[in-house]
Amino acid sequence: MNYGKFLKNNLIKKQNPDFKQIELQLQRSLKDLQTANENLNIDLTWTYTIAYHAMIRAGRALMYSKGFLPTTKNTHKTIVEFTKLQFTDDR
């Protein structure tokens, strides 16, 4: 994977994988998904917001597992683009 763009633009920084933080992010993401599911018949707009946060937390966990941490600059956009890079085949 080429993380050069992210590093050059100060969007991510290197760190050692923190398995406790990865686990916490994944647990919270799952809890958010459960909450979103339970909220479906109450408030669809809020359900989307909760699901979005679950996605961000899961993406953050992925970044942590790869040894990176998003900076405070465009955090959500960086997480989404970083995650996309993980699942895109450029060949």
PDB file of N, CA and C in Angstrom:
ATOM      1  N   MET A   1       0.836  -1.186   0.000  1.00  0.00           N
ATOM      2  CA  MET A   1       0.000   0.000   0.000  1.00  0.00           C
ATOM      3  C   MET A   1       0.879   1.248   0.000  1.00  0.00           C
ATOM      4  N   ASN A   2       0.457   2.246  -0.706  1.00  0.00           N
ATOM      5  CA  ASN A   2       1.197   3.497  -0.760  1.00  0.00           C
ATOM      6  C   ASN A   2       0.504   4.543   0.115  1.00  0.00           C
ATOM      7  N   TYR A   3       1.112   4.813   1.241  1.00  0.00           N
ATOM      8  CA  TYR A   3       0.558   5.780   2.185  1.00  0.00           C
ATOM      9  C   TYR A   3       1.236   7.138   2.051  1.00  0.00           C
ATOM     10  N   GLY A   4       2.082   7.299   1.036  1.00  0.00           N
ATOM     11  CA  GLY A   4       2.862   8.514   0.866  1.00  0.00           C
ATOM     12  C   GLY A   4       2.033   9.775   0.829  1.00  0.00           C
ATOM     13  N   LYS A   5       0.916   9.747   0.111  1.00  0.00           N
ATOM     14  CA  LYS A   5       0.046  10.918  -0.004  1.00  0.00           C
ATOM     15  C   LYS A   5      -0.457  11.356   1.372  1.00  0.00           C
ATOM     16  N   PHE A   6      -0.840  10.386   2.170  1.00  0.00           N
ATOM     17  CA  PHE A   6      -1.365  10.686   3.504  1.00  0.00           C
ATOM     18  C   PHE A   6      -0.274  11.262   4.413  1.00  0.00           C
ATOM     19  N   LEU A   7       0.908  10.647   4.347  1.00  0.00           N
ATOM     20  CA  LEU A   7       2.020  11.117   5.183  1.00  0.00           C
ATOM     21  C   LEU A   7       2.501  12.496   4.742  1.00  0.00           C
ATOM     22  N   LYS A   8       2.631  12.684   3.430  1.00  0.00           N
ATOM     23  CA  LYS A   8       3.111  13.951   2.883  1.00  0.00           C
ATOM     24  C   LYS A   8       2.199  15.111   3.265  1.00  0.00           C
ATOM     25  N   ASN A   9       0.902  14.856   3.264  1.00  0.00           N
ATOM     26  CA  ASN A   9      -0.074  15.906   3.568  1.00  0.00           C
ATOM     27  C   ASN A   9      -0.406  15.980   5.058  1.00  0.00           C
ATOM     28  N   ASN A  10       0.386  15.289   5.862  1.00  0.00           N
ATOM     29  CA  ASN A  10       0.205  15.299   7.317  1.00  0.00           C
ATOM     30  C   ASN A  10      -1.215  14.890   7.730  1.00  0.00           C
ATOM     31  N   LEU A  11      -1.767  13.890   7.039  1.00  0.00           N
ATOM     32  CA  LEU A  11      -3.102  13.396   7.351  1.00  0.00           C
ATOM     33  C   LEU A  11      -3.043  12.193   8.291  1.00  0.00           C
ATOM     34  N   ILE A  12      -1.898  11.503   8.291  1.00  0.00           N
ATOM     35  CA  ILE A  12      -1.695  10.366   9.186  1.00  0.00           C
ATOM     36  C   ILE A  12      -0.297  10.448   9.768  1.00  0.00           C
ATOM     37  N   LYS A  13      -0.111   9.737  10.855  1.00  0.00           N
ATOM     38  CA  LYS A  13       1.235   9.599  11.392  1.00  0.00           C
ATOM     39  C   LYS A  13       1.431   8.145  11.792  1.00  0.00           C
ATOM     40  N   LYS A  14       2.679   7.718  11.776  1.00  0.00           N
ATOM     41  CA  LYS A  14       3.003   6.337  12.109  1.00  0.00           C
ATOM     42  C   LYS A  14       2.939   6.130  13.615  1.00  0.00           C
ATOM     43  N   GLN A  15       2.524   4.946  13.988  1.00  0.00           N
ATOM     44  CA  GLN A  15       2.530   4.544  15.391  1.00  0.00           C
ATOM     45  C   GLN A  15       2.578   3.020  15.419  1.00  0.00           C
ATOM     46  N   ASN A  16       2.996   2.462  16.514  1.00  0.00           N
ATOM     47  CA  ASN A  16       2.939   1.016  16.663  1.00  0.00           C
ATOM     48  C   ASN A  16       1.485   0.618  16.853  1.00  0.00           C
ATOM     49  N   PRO A  17       1.073  -0.506  16.263  1.00  0.00           N
ATOM     50  CA  PRO A  17      -0.312  -0.941  16.463  1.00  0.00           C
ATOM     51  C   PRO A  17      -0.629  -1.070  17.953  1.00  0.00           C
ATOM     52  N   ASP A  18      -1.736  -0.488  18.355  1.00  0.00           N
ATOM     53  CA  ASP A  18      -2.194  -0.524  19.744  1.00  0.00           C
ATOM     54  C   ASP A  18      -3.410  -1.441  19.790  1.00  0.00           C
ATOM     55  N   PHE A  19      -3.169  -2.693  20.155  1.00  0.00           N
ATOM     56  CA  PHE A  19      -4.219  -3.700  20.069  1.00  0.00           C
ATOM     57  C   PHE A  19      -5.368  -3.438  21.036  1.00  0.00           C
ATOM     58  N   LYS A  20      -5.096  -2.787  22.145  1.00  0.00           N
ATOM     59  CA  LYS A  20      -6.178  -2.428  23.067  1.00  0.00           C
ATOM     60  C   LYS A  20      -7.093  -1.400  22.417  1.00  0.00           C
ATOM     61  N   GLN A  21      -6.517  -0.385  21.776  1.00  0.00           N
ATOM     62  CA  GLN A  21      -7.320   0.627  21.092  1.00  0.00           C
ATOM     63  C   GLN A  21      -8.087   0.030  19.912  1.00  0.00           C
ATOM     64  N   ILE A  22      -7.463  -0.899  19.197  1.00  0.00           N
ATOM     65  CA  ILE A  22      -8.144  -1.564  18.084  1.00  0.00           C
ATOM     66  C   ILE A  22      -9.377  -2.282  18.611  1.00  0.00           C
ATOM     67  N   GLU A  23      -9.202  -3.036  19.672  1.00  0.00           N
ATOM     68  CA  GLU A  23     -10.315  -3.769  20.275  1.00  0.00           C
ATOM     69  C   GLU A  23     -11.412  -2.826  20.762  1.00  0.00           C
ATOM     70  N   LEU A  24     -11.034  -1.738  21.409  1.00  0.00           N
ATOM     71  CA  LEU A  24     -12.028  -0.776  21.890  1.00  0.00           C
ATOM     72  C   LEU A  24     -12.815  -0.153  20.739  1.00  0.00           C
ATOM     73  N   GLN A  25     -12.124   0.199  19.672  1.00  0.00           N
ATOM     74  CA  GLN A  25     -12.804   0.792  18.515  1.00  0.00           C
ATOM     75  C   GLN A  25     -13.766  -0.204  17.882  1.00  0.00           C
ATOM     76  N   LEU A  26     -13.333  -1.454  17.755  1.00  0.00           N
ATOM     77  CA  LEU A  26     -14.201  -2.471  17.153  1.00  0.00           C
ATOM     78  C   LEU A  26     -15.409  -2.769  18.038  1.00  0.00           C
ATOM     79  N   GLN A  27     -15.187  -2.859  19.342  1.00  0.00           N
ATOM     80  CA  GLN A  27     -16.303  -3.097  20.257  1.00  0.00           C
ATOM     81  C   GLN A  27     -17.321  -1.970  20.172  1.00  0.00           C
ATOM     82  N   ARG A  28     -16.832  -0.741  20.160  1.00  0.00           N
ATOM     83  CA  ARG A  28     -17.742   0.403  20.094  1.00  0.00           C
ATOM     84  C   ARG A  28     -18.455   0.460  18.755  1.00  0.00           C
ATOM     85  N   SER A  29     -17.761   0.095  17.681  1.00  0.00           N
ATOM     86  CA  SER A  29     -18.381   0.066  16.367  1.00  0.00           C
ATOM     87  C   SER A  29     -19.538  -0.936  16.347  1.00  0.00           C
ATOM     88  N   LEU A  30     -19.319  -2.105  16.919  1.00  0.00           N
ATOM     89  CA  LEU A  30     -20.383  -3.111  16.983  1.00  0.00           C
ATOM     90  C   LEU A  30     -21.558  -2.631  17.830  1.00  0.00           C
ATOM     91  N   LYS A  31     -21.263  -1.967  18.934  1.00  0.00           N
ATOM     92  CA  LYS A  31     -22.320  -1.419  19.781  1.00  0.00           C
ATOM     93  C   LYS A  31     -23.111  -0.354  19.021  1.00  0.00           C
ATOM     94  N   ASP A  32     -22.416   0.487  18.266  1.00  0.00           N
ATOM     95  CA  ASP A  32     -23.088   1.505  17.460  1.00  0.00           C
ATOM     96  C   ASP A  32     -24.002   0.864  16.415  1.00  0.00           C
ATOM     97  N   LEU A  33     -23.535  -0.203  15.787  1.00  0.00           N
ATOM     98  CA  LEU A  33     -24.362  -0.887  14.794  1.00  0.00           C
ATOM     99  C   LEU A  33     -25.608  -1.484  15.434  1.00  0.00           C
ATOM    100  N   GLN A  34     -25.452  -2.060  16.613  1.00  0.00           N
ATOM    101  CA  GLN A  34     -26.599  -2.608  17.333  1.00  0.00           C
ATOM    102  C   GLN A  34     -27.592  -1.487  17.676  1.00  0.00           C
ATOM    103  N   THR A  35     -27.070  -0.382  18.143  1.00  0.00           N
ATOM    104  CA  THR A  35     -27.925   0.761  18.483  1.00  0.00           C
ATOM    105  C   THR A  35     -28.640   1.287  17.241  1.00  0.00           C
ATOM    106  N   ALA A  36     -27.919   1.388  16.131  1.00  0.00           N
ATOM    107  CA  ALA A  36     -28.534   1.852  14.880  1.00  0.00           C
ATOM    108  C   ALA A  36     -29.663   0.905  14.466  1.00  0.00           C
ATOM    109  N   ASN A  37     -29.410  -0.375  14.564  1.00  0.00           N
ATOM    110  CA  ASN A  37     -30.423  -1.361  14.194  1.00  0.00           C
ATOM    111  C   ASN A  37     -31.672  -1.227  15.066  1.00  0.00           C
ATOM    112  N   GLU A  38     -31.475  -1.042  16.352  1.00  0.00           N
ATOM    113  CA  GLU A  38     -32.599  -0.913  17.277  1.00  0.00           C
ATOM    114  C   GLU A  38     -33.358   0.401  17.082  1.00  0.00           C
ATOM    115  N   ASN A  39     -32.727   1.357  16.469  1.00  0.00           N
ATOM    116  CA  ASN A  39     -33.322   2.682  16.271  1.00  0.00           C
ATOM    117  C   ASN A  39     -34.022   2.822  14.912  1.00  0.00           C
ATOM    118  N   LEU A  40     -33.925   1.812  14.070  1.00  0.00           N
ATOM    119  CA  LEU A  40     -34.446   1.899  12.702  1.00  0.00           C
ATOM    120  C   LEU A  40     -35.895   2.378  12.623  1.00  0.00           C
ATOM    121  N   ASN A  41     -36.750   1.879  13.472  1.00  0.00           N
ATOM    122  CA  ASN A  41     -38.170   2.223  13.401  1.00  0.00           C
ATOM    123  C   ASN A  41     -38.523   3.483  14.181  1.00  0.00           C
ATOM    124  N   ILE A  42     -37.526   4.087  14.803  1.00  0.00           N
ATOM    125  CA  ILE A  42     -37.777   5.278  15.611  1.00  0.00           C
ATOM    126  C   ILE A  42     -37.394   6.548  14.857  1.00  0.00           C
ATOM    127  N   ASP A  43     -36.164   6.571  14.334  1.00  0.00           N
ATOM    128  CA  ASP A  43     -35.655   7.787  13.695  1.00  0.00           C
ATOM    129  C   ASP A  43     -34.601   7.390  12.659  1.00  0.00           C
ATOM    130  N   LEU A  44     -35.018   7.323  11.413  1.00  0.00           N
ATOM    131  CA  LEU A  44     -34.128   6.864  10.348  1.00  0.00           C
ATOM    132  C   LEU A  44     -32.913   7.772  10.165  1.00  0.00           C
ATOM    133  N   THR A  45     -33.117   9.078  10.279  1.00  0.00           N
ATOM    134  CA  THR A  45     -31.994  10.009  10.119  1.00  0.00           C
ATOM    135  C   THR A  45     -30.934   9.765  11.183  1.00  0.00           C
ATOM    136  N   TRP A  46     -31.356   9.610  12.420  1.00  0.00           N
ATOM    137  CA  TRP A  46     -30.408   9.356  13.504  1.00  0.00           C
ATOM    138  C   TRP A  46     -29.760   7.985  13.332  1.00  0.00           C
ATOM    139  N   THR A  47     -30.500   7.026  12.813  1.00  0.00           N
ATOM    140  CA  THR A  47     -29.941   5.699  12.539  1.00  0.00           C
ATOM    141  C   THR A  47     -28.753   5.806  11.581  1.00  0.00           C
ATOM    142  N   TYR A  48     -28.900   6.605  10.526  1.00  0.00           N
ATOM    143  CA  TYR A  48     -27.798   6.806   9.585  1.00  0.00           C
ATOM    144  C   TYR A  48     -26.589   7.440  10.278  1.00  0.00           C
ATOM    145  N   THR A  49     -26.832   8.376  11.155  1.00  0.00           N
ATOM    146  CA  THR A  49     -25.744   9.042  11.880  1.00  0.00           C
ATOM    147  C   THR A  49     -24.992   8.046  12.761  1.00  0.00           C
ATOM    148  N   ILE A  50     -25.725   7.215  13.460  1.00  0.00           N
ATOM    149  CA  ILE A  50     -25.094   6.212  14.323  1.00  0.00           C
ATOM    150  C   ILE A  50     -24.302   5.213  13.479  1.00  0.00           C
ATOM    151  N   ALA A  51     -24.877   4.783  12.363  1.00  0.00           N
ATOM    152  CA  ALA A  51     -24.182   3.838  11.475  1.00  0.00           C
ATOM    153  C   ALA A  51     -22.914   4.471  10.897  1.00  0.00           C
ATOM    154  N   TYR A  52     -22.984   5.749  10.584  1.00  0.00           N
ATOM    155  CA  TYR A  52     -21.807   6.468  10.081  1.00  0.00           C
ATOM    156  C   TYR A  52     -20.684   6.429  11.126  1.00  0.00           C
ATOM    157  N   HIS A  53     -21.036   6.676  12.369  1.00  0.00           N
ATOM    158  CA  HIS A  53     -20.029   6.644  13.427  1.00  0.00           C
ATOM    159  C   HIS A  53     -19.449   5.244  13.606  1.00  0.00           C
ATOM    160  N   ALA A  54     -20.262   4.227  13.423  1.00  0.00           N
ATOM    161  CA  ALA A  54     -19.767   2.849  13.473  1.00  0.00           C
ATOM    162  C   ALA A  54     -18.732   2.632  12.372  1.00  0.00           C
ATOM    163  N   MET A  55     -19.018   3.149  11.189  1.00  0.00           N
ATOM    164  CA  MET A  55     -18.092   3.017  10.063  1.00  0.00           C
ATOM    165  C   MET A  55     -16.771   3.727  10.361  1.00  0.00           C
ATOM    166  N   ILE A  56     -16.847   4.928  10.913  1.00  0.00           N
ATOM    167  CA  ILE A  56     -15.640   5.687  11.230  1.00  0.00           C
ATOM    168  C   ILE A  56     -14.807   4.947  12.272  1.00  0.00           C
ATOM    169  N   ARG A  57     -15.458   4.404  13.295  1.00  0.00           N
ATOM    170  CA  ARG A  57     -14.732   3.671  14.338  1.00  0.00           C
ATOM    171  C   ARG A  57     -14.048   2.424  13.768  1.00  0.00           C
ATOM    172  N   ALA A  58     -14.744   1.708  12.906  1.00  0.00           N
ATOM    173  CA  ALA A  58     -14.163   0.511  12.284  1.00  0.00           C
ATOM    174  C   ALA A  58     -12.984   0.897  11.391  1.00  0.00           C
ATOM    175  N   GLY A  59     -13.122   1.988  10.649  1.00  0.00           N
ATOM    176  CA  GLY A  59     -12.022   2.473   9.810  1.00  0.00           C
ATOM    177  C   GLY A  59     -10.830   2.900  10.635  1.00  0.00           C
ATOM    178  N   ARG A  60     -11.098   3.527  11.761  1.00  0.00           N
ATOM    179  CA  ARG A  60     -10.019   3.939  12.667  1.00  0.00           C
ATOM    180  C   ARG A  60      -9.282   2.697  13.191  1.00  0.00           C
ATOM    181  N   ALA A  61     -10.038   1.658  13.528  1.00  0.00           N
ATOM    182  CA  ALA A  61      -9.431   0.404  13.992  1.00  0.00           C
ATOM    183  C   ALA A  61      -8.540  -0.190  12.899  1.00  0.00           C
ATOM    184  N   LEU A  62      -9.004  -0.118  11.662  1.00  0.00           N
ATOM    185  CA  LEU A  62      -8.194  -0.608  10.538  1.00  0.00           C
ATOM    186  C   LEU A  62      -6.890   0.179  10.442  1.00  0.00           C
ATOM    187  N   MET A  63      -6.970   1.488  10.545  1.00  0.00           N
ATOM    188  CA  MET A  63      -5.767   2.318  10.490  1.00  0.00           C
ATOM    189  C   MET A  63      -4.806   1.944  11.613  1.00  0.00           C
ATOM    190  N   TYR A  64      -5.333   1.796  12.816  1.00  0.00           N
ATOM    191  CA  TYR A  64      -4.494   1.418  13.960  1.00  0.00           C
ATOM    192  C   TYR A  64      -3.801   0.090  13.685  1.00  0.00           C
ATOM    193  N   SER A  65      -4.533  -0.853  13.089  1.00  0.00           N
ATOM    194  CA  SER A  65      -3.959  -2.181  12.831  1.00  0.00           C
ATOM    195  C   SER A  65      -2.840  -2.137  11.805  1.00  0.00           C
ATOM    196  N   LYS A  66      -2.858  -1.128  10.951  1.00  0.00           N
ATOM    197  CA  LYS A  66      -1.812  -0.966   9.934  1.00  0.00           C
ATOM    198  C   LYS A  66      -0.656  -0.108  10.440  1.00  0.00           C
ATOM    199  N   GLY A  67      -0.763   0.367  11.693  1.00  0.00           N
ATOM    200  CA  GLY A  67       0.317   1.156  12.279  1.00  0.00           C
ATOM    201  C   GLY A  67       0.239   2.640  11.995  1.00  0.00           C
ATOM    202  N   PHE A  68      -0.974   3.152  11.807  1.00  0.00           N
ATOM    203  CA  PHE A  68      -1.161   4.570  11.527  1.00  0.00           C
ATOM    204  C   PHE A  68      -2.255   5.155  12.405  1.00  0.00           C
ATOM    205  N   LEU A  69      -2.176   6.448  12.568  1.00  0.00           N
ATOM    206  CA  LEU A  69      -3.138   7.209  13.349  1.00  0.00           C
ATOM    207  C   LEU A  69      -3.535   8.426  12.531  1.00  0.00           C
ATOM    208  N   PRO A  70      -4.839   8.699  12.372  1.00  0.00           N
ATOM    209  CA  PRO A  70      -5.211   9.910  11.639  1.00  0.00           C
ATOM    210  C   PRO A  70      -4.885  11.141  12.471  1.00  0.00           C
ATOM    211  N   THR A  71      -4.465  12.199  11.809  1.00  0.00           N
ATOM    212  CA  THR A  71      -4.228  13.461  12.505  1.00  0.00           C
ATOM    213  C   THR A  71      -5.561  14.196  12.615  1.00  0.00           C
ATOM    214  N   THR A  72      -5.542  15.373  13.189  1.00  0.00           N
ATOM    215  CA  THR A  72      -6.779  16.132  13.366  1.00  0.00           C
ATOM    216  C   THR A  72      -7.215  16.850  12.091  1.00  0.00           C
ATOM    217  N   LYS A  73      -6.405  16.782  11.052  1.00  0.00           N
ATOM    218  CA  LYS A  73      -6.714  17.454   9.787  1.00  0.00           C
ATOM    219  C   LYS A  73      -7.571  16.528   8.906  1.00  0.00           C
ATOM    220  N   ASN A  74      -8.821  16.905   8.664  1.00  0.00           N
ATOM    221  CA  ASN A  74      -9.723  16.126   7.801  1.00  0.00           C
ATOM    222  C   ASN A  74      -9.837  14.661   8.237  1.00  0.00           C
ATOM    223  N   THR A  75     -10.022  14.448   9.516  1.00  0.00           N
ATOM    224  CA  THR A  75      -9.966  13.103  10.091  1.00  0.00           C
ATOM    225  C   THR A  75     -10.918  12.120   9.415  1.00  0.00           C
ATOM    226  N   HIS A  76     -12.189  12.447   9.324  1.00  0.00           N
ATOM    227  CA  HIS A  76     -13.161  11.497   8.774  1.00  0.00           C
ATOM    228  C   HIS A  76     -12.876  11.197   7.308  1.00  0.00           C
ATOM    229  N   LYS A  77     -12.558  12.219   6.543  1.00  0.00           N
ATOM    230  CA  LYS A  77     -12.240  12.019   5.128  1.00  0.00           C
ATOM    231  C   LYS A  77     -11.008  11.138   4.986  1.00  0.00           C
ATOM    232  N   THR A  78     -10.015  11.364   5.812  1.00  0.00           N
ATOM    233  CA  THR A  78      -8.798  10.561   5.775  1.00  0.00           C
ATOM    234  C   THR A  78      -9.105   9.105   6.087  1.00  0.00           C
ATOM    235  N   ILE A  79      -9.916   8.859   7.102  1.00  0.00           N
ATOM    236  CA  ILE A  79     -10.256   7.485   7.471  1.00  0.00           C
ATOM    237  C   ILE A  79     -10.964   6.778   6.318  1.00  0.00           C
ATOM    238  N   VAL A  80     -11.907   7.456   5.691  1.00  0.00           N
ATOM    239  CA  VAL A  80     -12.644   6.863   4.573  1.00  0.00           C
ATOM    240  C   VAL A  80     -11.705   6.579   3.401  1.00  0.00           C
ATOM    241  N   GLU A  81     -10.853   7.527   3.051  1.00  0.00           N
ATOM    242  CA  GLU A  81      -9.933   7.333   1.922  1.00  0.00           C
ATOM    243  C   GLU A  81      -8.895   6.253   2.228  1.00  0.00           C
ATOM    244  N   PHE A  82      -8.403   6.214   3.461  1.00  0.00           N
ATOM    245  CA  PHE A  82      -7.444   5.189   3.865  1.00  0.00           C
ATOM    246  C   PHE A  82      -8.093   3.806   3.761  1.00  0.00           C
ATOM    247  N   THR A  83      -9.316   3.700   4.226  1.00  0.00           N
ATOM    248  CA  THR A  83     -10.042   2.423   4.164  1.00  0.00           C
ATOM    249  C   THR A  83     -10.266   2.010   2.711  1.00  0.00           C
ATOM    250  N   LYS A  84     -10.638   2.951   1.882  1.00  0.00           N
ATOM    251  CA  LYS A  84     -10.834   2.669   0.456  1.00  0.00           C
ATOM    252  C   LYS A  84      -9.561   2.115  -0.159  1.00  0.00           C
ATOM    253  N   LEU A  85      -8.426   2.699   0.198  1.00  0.00           N
ATOM    254  CA  LEU A  85      -7.138   2.239  -0.319  1.00  0.00           C
ATOM    255  C   LEU A  85      -6.893   0.773   0.046  1.00  0.00           C
ATOM    256  N   GLN A  86      -7.351   0.359   1.215  1.00  0.00           N
ATOM    257  CA  GLN A  86      -7.149  -1.016   1.665  1.00  0.00           C
ATOM    258  C   GLN A  86      -7.927  -2.021   0.824  1.00  0.00           C
ATOM    259  N   PHE A  87      -9.041  -1.581   0.269  1.00  0.00           N
ATOM    260  CA  PHE A  87      -9.926  -2.493  -0.459  1.00  0.00           C
ATOM    261  C   PHE A  87      -9.937  -2.261  -1.970  1.00  0.00           C
ATOM    262  N   THR A  88      -9.038  -1.416  -2.450  1.00  0.00           N
ATOM    263  CA  THR A  88      -8.960  -1.122  -3.874  1.00  0.00           C
ATOM    264  C   THR A  88      -7.773  -1.866  -4.467  1.00  0.00           C
ATOM    265  N   ASP A  89      -8.039  -2.525  -5.572  1.00  0.00           N
ATOM    266  CA  ASP A  89      -6.982  -3.239  -6.271  1.00  0.00           C
ATOM    267  C   ASP A  89      -6.522  -2.375  -7.441  1.00  0.00           C
ATOM    268  N   ASP A  90      -5.323  -1.828  -7.326  1.00  0.00           N
ATOM    269  CA  ASP A  90      -4.801  -0.917  -8.350  1.00  0.00           C
ATOM    270  C   ASP A  90      -4.085  -1.641  -9.495  1.00  0.00           C
ATOM    271  N   ARG A  91      -4.090  -2.931  -9.489  1.00  0.00           N
ATOM    272  CA  ARG A  91      -3.369  -3.671 -10.529  1.00  0.00           C
ATOM    273  C   ARG A  91      -4.083  -3.716 -11.831  1.00  0.00           C
TER     274      ARG A  91
END
